[in-house]
Amino acid sequence: MPIFEYRCKECGAKFEKISHTSGTQVLCKNCSSPKVEKLLSVFAVAGGSHEGLSNEPGPCPCGAARRGMCCE
């Protein structure tokens, strides 16, 4: 089941919710307002391999956090 991130348009609270179906109404966990917006989430994959990553410090010119993390 996917976990979605939301922000309440009334109180500004950010929260996560497991969604069983896309048609389910989401209420703010802080103020119970139905005025929430779905946020774009960052997808992360954990793994033990750093193959292909450069050891050069600093961000990549493409905007990736480290050199060698981009898809160029």
PDB file of N, CA and C in Angstrom:
ATOM      1  N   MET A   1       0.832  -1.181   0.000  1.00  0.00           N
ATOM      2  CA  MET A   1       0.000   0.000   0.000  1.00  0.00           C
ATOM      3  C   MET A   1       0.878   1.246   0.000  1.00  0.00           C
ATOM      4  N   PRO A   2       0.539   2.204  -0.842  1.00  0.00           N
ATOM      5  CA  PRO A   2       1.368   3.417  -0.911  1.00  0.00           C
ATOM      6  C   PRO A   2       1.124   4.361   0.264  1.00  0.00           C
ATOM      7  N   ILE A   3       2.181   5.059   0.638  1.00  0.00           N
ATOM      8  CA  ILE A   3       2.093   6.099   1.666  1.00  0.00           C
ATOM      9  C   ILE A   3       2.216   7.431   0.942  1.00  0.00           C
ATOM     10  N   PHE A   4       1.251   8.313   1.171  1.00  0.00           N
ATOM     11  CA  PHE A   4       1.266   9.621   0.547  1.00  0.00           C
ATOM     12  C   PHE A   4       1.505  10.691   1.599  1.00  0.00           C
ATOM     13  N   GLU A   5       2.147  11.779   1.176  1.00  0.00           N
ATOM     14  CA  GLU A   5       2.384  12.919   2.058  1.00  0.00           C
ATOM     15  C   GLU A   5       1.389  14.018   1.694  1.00  0.00           C
ATOM     16  N   TYR A   6       0.867  14.685   2.724  1.00  0.00           N
ATOM     17  CA  TYR A   6      -0.126  15.738   2.528  1.00  0.00           C
ATOM     18  C   TYR A   6       0.244  16.967   3.350  1.00  0.00           C
ATOM     19  N   ARG A   7      -0.300  18.133   2.918  1.00  0.00           N
ATOM     20  CA  ARG A   7      -0.197  19.362   3.700  1.00  0.00           C
ATOM     21  C   ARG A   7      -1.597  19.953   3.778  1.00  0.00           C
ATOM     22  N   CYS A   8      -1.978  20.357   4.992  1.00  0.00           N
ATOM     23  CA  CYS A   8      -3.285  20.952   5.221  1.00  0.00           C
ATOM     24  C   CYS A   8      -3.268  22.408   4.756  1.00  0.00           C
ATOM     25  N   LYS A   9      -4.263  22.798   3.967  1.00  0.00           N
ATOM     26  CA  LYS A   9      -4.365  24.174   3.485  1.00  0.00           C
ATOM     27  C   LYS A   9      -4.929  25.101   4.567  1.00  0.00           C
ATOM     28  N   GLU A  10      -5.511  24.540   5.608  1.00  0.00           N
ATOM     29  CA  GLU A  10      -6.079  25.343   6.700  1.00  0.00           C
ATOM     30  C   GLU A  10      -5.030  25.668   7.763  1.00  0.00           C
ATOM     31  N   CYS A  11      -4.363  24.641   8.305  1.00  0.00           N
ATOM     32  CA  CYS A  11      -3.440  24.865   9.426  1.00  0.00           C
ATOM     33  C   CYS A  11      -1.964  24.700   9.041  1.00  0.00           C
ATOM     34  N   GLY A  12      -1.684  24.194   7.831  1.00  0.00           N
ATOM     35  CA  GLY A  12      -0.306  24.044   7.376  1.00  0.00           C
ATOM     36  C   GLY A  12       0.393  22.782   7.845  1.00  0.00           C
ATOM     37  N   ALA A  13      -0.286  21.928   8.582  1.00  0.00           N
ATOM     38  CA  ALA A  13       0.329  20.699   9.093  1.00  0.00           C
ATOM     39  C   ALA A  13       0.681  19.757   7.950  1.00  0.00           C
ATOM     40  N   LYS A  14       1.828  19.081   8.060  1.00  0.00           N
ATOM     41  CA  LYS A  14       2.233  18.062   7.093  1.00  0.00           C
ATOM     42  C   LYS A  14       2.089  16.704   7.766  1.00  0.00           C
ATOM     43  N   PHE A  15       1.589  15.728   6.997  1.00  0.00           N
ATOM     44  CA  PHE A  15       1.400  14.389   7.559  1.00  0.00           C
ATOM     45  C   PHE A  15       1.410  13.363   6.446  1.00  0.00           C
ATOM     46  N   GLU A  16       1.546  12.092   6.828  1.00  0.00           N
ATOM     47  CA  GLU A  16       1.532  10.978   5.888  1.00  0.00           C
ATOM     48  C   GLU A  16       0.292  10.135   6.139  1.00  0.00           C
ATOM     49  N   LYS A  17      -0.185   9.477   5.083  1.00  0.00           N
ATOM     50  CA  LYS A  17      -1.340   8.599   5.226  1.00  0.00           C
ATOM     51  C   LYS A  17      -1.181   7.432   4.262  1.00  0.00           C
ATOM     52  N   ILE A  18      -1.450   6.236   4.764  1.00  0.00           N
ATOM     53  CA  ILE A  18      -1.481   5.051   3.914  1.00  0.00           C
ATOM     54  C   ILE A  18      -2.819   5.064   3.198  1.00  0.00           C
ATOM     55  N   SER A  19      -2.777   4.935   1.871  1.00  0.00           N
ATOM     56  CA  SER A  19      -3.998   5.012   1.083  1.00  0.00           C
ATOM     57  C   SER A  19      -4.343   3.644   0.519  1.00  0.00           C
ATOM     58  N   HIS A  20      -5.540   3.185   0.828  1.00  0.00           N
ATOM     59  CA  HIS A  20      -6.015   1.904   0.305  1.00  0.00           C
ATOM     60  C   HIS A  20      -6.578   2.084  -1.098  1.00  0.00           C
ATOM     61  N   THR A  21      -7.281   3.193  -1.330  1.00  0.00           N
ATOM     62  CA  THR A  21      -7.845   3.513  -2.640  1.00  0.00           C
ATOM     63  C   THR A  21      -7.643   4.991  -2.921  1.00  0.00           C
ATOM     64  N   SER A  22      -7.655   5.358  -4.190  1.00  0.00           N
ATOM     65  CA  SER A  22      -7.413   6.751  -4.552  1.00  0.00           C
ATOM     66  C   SER A  22      -8.621   7.642  -4.280  1.00  0.00           C
ATOM     67  N   GLY A  23      -9.809   7.085  -4.115  1.00  0.00           N
ATOM     68  CA  GLY A  23     -11.011   7.884  -3.908  1.00  0.00           C
ATOM     69  C   GLY A  23     -11.314   8.197  -2.450  1.00  0.00           C
ATOM     70  N   THR A  24     -10.464   7.763  -1.536  1.00  0.00           N
ATOM     71  CA  THR A  24     -10.693   7.984  -0.116  1.00  0.00           C
ATOM     72  C   THR A  24     -10.452   9.444   0.253  1.00  0.00           C
ATOM     73  N   GLN A  25     -11.391  10.058   0.984  1.00  0.00           N
ATOM     74  CA  GLN A  25     -11.211  11.436   1.430  1.00  0.00           C
ATOM     75  C   GLN A  25     -10.171  11.466   2.545  1.00  0.00           C
ATOM     76  N   VAL A  26      -9.269  12.418   2.457  1.00  0.00           N
ATOM     77  CA  VAL A  26      -8.205  12.559   3.444  1.00  0.00           C
ATOM     78  C   VAL A  26      -8.502  13.786   4.287  1.00  0.00           C
ATOM     79  N   LEU A  27      -8.450  13.605   5.600  1.00  0.00           N
ATOM     80  CA  LEU A  27      -8.651  14.704   6.538  1.00  0.00           C
ATOM     81  C   LEU A  27      -7.346  15.004   7.251  1.00  0.00           C
ATOM     82  N   CYS A  28      -7.123  16.274   7.562  1.00  0.00           N
ATOM     83  CA  CYS A  28      -5.930  16.684   8.288  1.00  0.00           C
ATOM     84  C   CYS A  28      -5.908  16.008   9.655  1.00  0.00           C
ATOM     85  N   LYS A  29      -4.757  15.472  10.029  1.00  0.00           N
ATOM     86  CA  LYS A  29      -4.625  14.809  11.328  1.00  0.00           C
ATOM     87  C   LYS A  29      -4.569  15.807  12.470  1.00  0.00           C
ATOM     88  N   ASN A  30      -4.297  17.086  12.153  1.00  0.00           N
ATOM     89  CA  ASN A  30      -4.186  18.108  13.185  1.00  0.00           C
ATOM     90  C   ASN A  30      -5.529  18.797  13.452  1.00  0.00           C
ATOM     91  N   CYS A  31      -6.226  19.224  12.377  1.00  0.00           N
ATOM     92  CA  CYS A  31      -7.452  20.012  12.558  1.00  0.00           C
ATOM     93  C   CYS A  31      -8.687  19.387  11.921  1.00  0.00           C
ATOM     94  N   SER A  32      -8.555  18.221  11.298  1.00  0.00           N
ATOM     95  CA  SER A  32      -9.647  17.473  10.654  1.00  0.00           C
ATOM     96  C   SER A  32     -10.238  18.167   9.431  1.00  0.00           C
ATOM     97  N   SER A  33      -9.550  19.123   8.868  1.00  0.00           N
ATOM     98  CA  SER A  33     -10.022  19.805   7.668  1.00  0.00           C
ATOM     99  C   SER A  33      -9.892  18.894   6.455  1.00  0.00           C
ATOM    100  N   PRO A  34     -10.861  18.915   5.546  1.00  0.00           N
ATOM    101  CA  PRO A  34     -10.738  18.146   4.306  1.00  0.00           C
ATOM    102  C   PRO A  34      -9.921  18.879   3.243  1.00  0.00           C
ATOM    103  N   LYS A  35      -9.473  20.106   3.534  1.00  0.00           N
ATOM    104  CA  LYS A  35      -8.725  20.909   2.564  1.00  0.00           C
ATOM    105  C   LYS A  35      -7.234  20.579   2.664  1.00  0.00           C
ATOM    106  N   VAL A  36      -6.859  19.463   2.040  1.00  0.00           N
ATOM    107  CA  VAL A  36      -5.472  19.020   2.052  1.00  0.00           C
ATOM    108  C   VAL A  36      -4.973  18.883   0.621  1.00  0.00           C
ATOM    109  N   GLU A  37      -3.667  19.027   0.437  1.00  0.00           N
ATOM    110  CA  GLU A  37      -3.069  18.822  -0.872  1.00  0.00           C
ATOM    111  C   GLU A  37      -2.025  17.726  -0.785  1.00  0.00           C
ATOM    112  N   LYS A  38      -1.984  16.887  -1.813  1.00  0.00           N
ATOM    113  CA  LYS A  38      -0.992  15.812  -1.870  1.00  0.00           C
ATOM    114  C   LYS A  38       0.332  16.425  -2.296  1.00  0.00           C
ATOM    115  N   LEU A  39       1.397  16.072  -1.590  1.00  0.00           N
ATOM    116  CA  LEU A  39       2.726  16.581  -1.890  1.00  0.00           C
ATOM    117  C   LEU A  39       3.495  15.583  -2.740  1.00  0.00           C
ATOM    118  N   LEU A  40       4.458  16.073  -3.494  1.00  0.00           N
ATOM    119  CA  LEU A  40       5.342  15.185  -4.231  1.00  0.00           C
ATOM    120  C   LEU A  40       6.326  14.574  -3.253  1.00  0.00           C
ATOM    121  N   SER A  41       6.445  13.276  -3.284  1.00  0.00           N
ATOM    122  CA  SER A  41       7.324  12.580  -2.360  1.00  0.00           C
ATOM    123  C   SER A  41       8.638  12.248  -3.039  1.00  0.00           C
ATOM    124  N   VAL A  42       9.681  12.136  -2.248  1.00  0.00           N
ATOM    125  CA  VAL A  42      10.986  11.730  -2.745  1.00  0.00           C
ATOM    126  C   VAL A  42      11.069  10.219  -2.632  1.00  0.00           C
ATOM    127  N   PHE A  43      11.434   9.585  -3.715  1.00  0.00           N
ATOM    128  CA  PHE A  43      11.556   8.135  -3.735  1.00  0.00           C
ATOM    129  C   PHE A  43      12.987   7.769  -3.389  1.00  0.00           C
ATOM    130  N   ALA A  44      13.161   6.874  -2.439  1.00  0.00           N
ATOM    131  CA  ALA A  44      14.505   6.480  -2.025  1.00  0.00           C
ATOM    132  C   ALA A  44      14.630   4.966  -2.059  1.00  0.00           C
ATOM    133  N   VAL A  45      15.787   4.511  -2.462  1.00  0.00           N
ATOM    134  CA  VAL A  45      16.080   3.082  -2.470  1.00  0.00           C
ATOM    135  C   VAL A  45      17.333   2.874  -1.647  1.00  0.00           C
ATOM    136  N   ALA A  46      17.266   1.966  -0.695  1.00  0.00           N
ATOM    137  CA  ALA A  46      18.429   1.676   0.134  1.00  0.00           C
ATOM    138  C   ALA A  46      19.135   0.457  -0.433  1.00  0.00           C
ATOM    139  N   GLY A  47      20.441   0.518  -0.445  1.00  0.00           N
ATOM    140  CA  GLY A  47      21.208  -0.610  -0.951  1.00  0.00           C
ATOM    141  C   GLY A  47      22.635  -0.532  -0.479  1.00  0.00           C
ATOM    142  N   GLY A  48      23.356  -1.598  -0.609  1.00  0.00           N
ATOM    143  CA  GLY A  48      24.723  -1.635  -0.128  1.00  0.00           C
ATOM    144  C   GLY A  48      25.752  -1.289  -1.188  1.00  0.00           C
ATOM    145  N   SER A  49      25.356  -1.170  -2.447  1.00  0.00           N
ATOM    146  CA  SER A  49      26.316  -0.934  -3.508  1.00  0.00           C
ATOM    147  C   SER A  49      26.411   0.544  -3.840  1.00  0.00           C
ATOM    148  N   HIS A  50      27.628   1.044  -3.972  1.00  0.00           N
ATOM    149  CA  HIS A  50      27.861   2.419  -4.397  1.00  0.00           C
ATOM    150  C   HIS A  50      28.583   2.403  -5.736  1.00  0.00           C
ATOM    151  N   GLU A  51      28.403   1.337  -6.485  1.00  0.00           N
ATOM    152  CA  GLU A  51      29.070   1.170  -7.758  1.00  0.00           C
ATOM    153  C   GLU A  51      28.646   2.279  -8.717  1.00  0.00           C
ATOM    154  N   GLY A  52      29.612   2.885  -9.381  1.00  0.00           N
ATOM    155  CA  GLY A  52      29.310   3.925 -10.352  1.00  0.00           C
ATOM    156  C   GLY A  52      29.285   5.320  -9.762  1.00  0.00           C
ATOM    157  N   LEU A  53      29.360   5.455  -8.441  1.00  0.00           N
ATOM    158  CA  LEU A  53      29.372   6.768  -7.815  1.00  0.00           C
ATOM    159  C   LEU A  53      30.793   7.290  -7.740  1.00  0.00           C
ATOM    160  N   SER A  54      30.934   8.549  -8.025  1.00  0.00           N
ATOM    161  CA  SER A  54      32.248   9.173  -7.966  1.00  0.00           C
ATOM    162  C   SER A  54      32.562   9.556  -6.526  1.00  0.00           C
ATOM    163  N   ASN A  55      33.844   9.590  -6.180  1.00  0.00           N
ATOM    164  CA  ASN A  55      34.254  10.021  -4.848  1.00  0.00           C
ATOM    165  C   ASN A  55      34.544  11.514  -4.793  1.00  0.00           C
ATOM    166  N   GLU A  56      34.322  12.226  -5.900  1.00  0.00           N
ATOM    167  CA  GLU A  56      34.577  13.660  -5.918  1.00  0.00           C
ATOM    168  C   GLU A  56      33.589  14.356  -5.002  1.00  0.00           C
ATOM    169  N   PRO A  57      34.067  15.266  -4.154  1.00  0.00           N
ATOM    170  CA  PRO A  57      33.157  15.951  -3.236  1.00  0.00           C
ATOM    171  C   PRO A  57      32.310  16.991  -3.961  1.00  0.00           C
ATOM    172  N   GLY A  58      31.237  17.384  -3.328  1.00  0.00           N
ATOM    173  CA  GLY A  58      30.412  18.471  -3.838  1.00  0.00           C
ATOM    174  C   GLY A  58      29.306  18.009  -4.760  1.00  0.00           C
ATOM    175  N   PRO A  59      28.381  18.911  -5.025  1.00  0.00           N
ATOM    176  CA  PRO A  59      27.247  18.565  -5.882  1.00  0.00           C
ATOM    177  C   PRO A  59      27.660  18.438  -7.344  1.00  0.00           C
ATOM    178  N   CYS A  60      26.922  17.668  -8.071  1.00  0.00           N
ATOM    179  CA  CYS A  60      27.147  17.485  -9.497  1.00  0.00           C
ATOM    180  C   CYS A  60      26.591  18.714 -10.237  1.00  0.00           C
ATOM    181  N   PRO A  61      27.179  19.103 -11.355  1.00  0.00           N
ATOM    182  CA  PRO A  61      26.652  20.232 -12.118  1.00  0.00           C
ATOM    183  C   PRO A  61      25.200  20.041 -12.563  1.00  0.00           C
ATOM    184  N   CYS A  62      24.733  18.783 -12.627  1.00  0.00           N
ATOM    185  CA  CYS A  62      23.347  18.537 -13.045  1.00  0.00           C
ATOM    186  C   CYS A  62      22.358  18.805 -11.921  1.00  0.00           C
ATOM    187  N   GLY A  63      22.851  18.983 -10.684  1.00  0.00           N
ATOM    188  CA  GLY A  63      21.966  19.237  -9.554  1.00  0.00           C
ATOM    189  C   GLY A  63      21.864  18.083  -8.575  1.00  0.00           C
ATOM    190  N   ALA A  64      22.450  16.925  -8.919  1.00  0.00           N
ATOM    191  CA  ALA A  64      22.424  15.791  -7.995  1.00  0.00           C
ATOM    192  C   ALA A  64      23.262  16.114  -6.760  1.00  0.00           C
ATOM    193  N   ALA A  65      22.958  15.463  -5.655  1.00  0.00           N
ATOM    194  CA  ALA A  65      23.630  15.742  -4.385  1.00  0.00           C
ATOM    195  C   ALA A  65      25.129  15.454  -4.443  1.00  0.00           C
ATOM    196  N   ARG A  66      25.538  14.414  -5.165  1.00  0.00           N
ATOM    197  CA  ARG A  66      26.959  14.079  -5.304  1.00  0.00           C
ATOM    198  C   ARG A  66      27.261  13.774  -6.752  1.00  0.00           C
ATOM    199  N   ARG A  67      28.491  13.997  -7.132  1.00  0.00           N
ATOM    200  CA  ARG A  67      28.904  13.653  -8.495  1.00  0.00           C
ATOM    201  C   ARG A  67      28.760  12.146  -8.708  1.00  0.00           C
ATOM    202  N   GLY A  68      28.253  11.769  -9.859  1.00  0.00           N
ATOM    203  CA  GLY A  68      28.072  10.362 -10.181  1.00  0.00           C
ATOM    204  C   GLY A  68      26.693   9.843  -9.862  1.00  0.00           C
ATOM    205  N   MET A  69      25.838  10.651  -9.203  1.00  0.00           N
ATOM    206  CA  MET A  69      24.485  10.211  -8.855  1.00  0.00           C
ATOM    207  C   MET A  69      23.473  10.535  -9.968  1.00  0.00           C
ATOM    208  N   CYS A  70      23.884  11.317 -10.956  1.00  0.00           N
ATOM    209  CA  CYS A  70      22.972  11.710 -12.016  1.00  0.00           C
ATOM    210  C   CYS A  70      22.861  10.600 -13.064  1.00  0.00           C
ATOM    211  N   CYS A  71      21.960  10.782 -13.967  1.00  0.00           N
ATOM    212  CA  CYS A  71      21.733   9.764 -15.005  1.00  0.00           C
ATOM    213  C   CYS A  71      22.355  10.153 -16.332  1.00  0.00           C
ATOM    214  N   GLU A  72      23.286  11.098 -16.320  1.00  0.00           N
ATOM    215  CA  GLU A  72      23.922  11.535 -17.576  1.00  0.00           C
ATOM    216  C   GLU A  72      24.927  10.533 -18.043  1.00  0.00           C
TER     217      GLU A  72
END
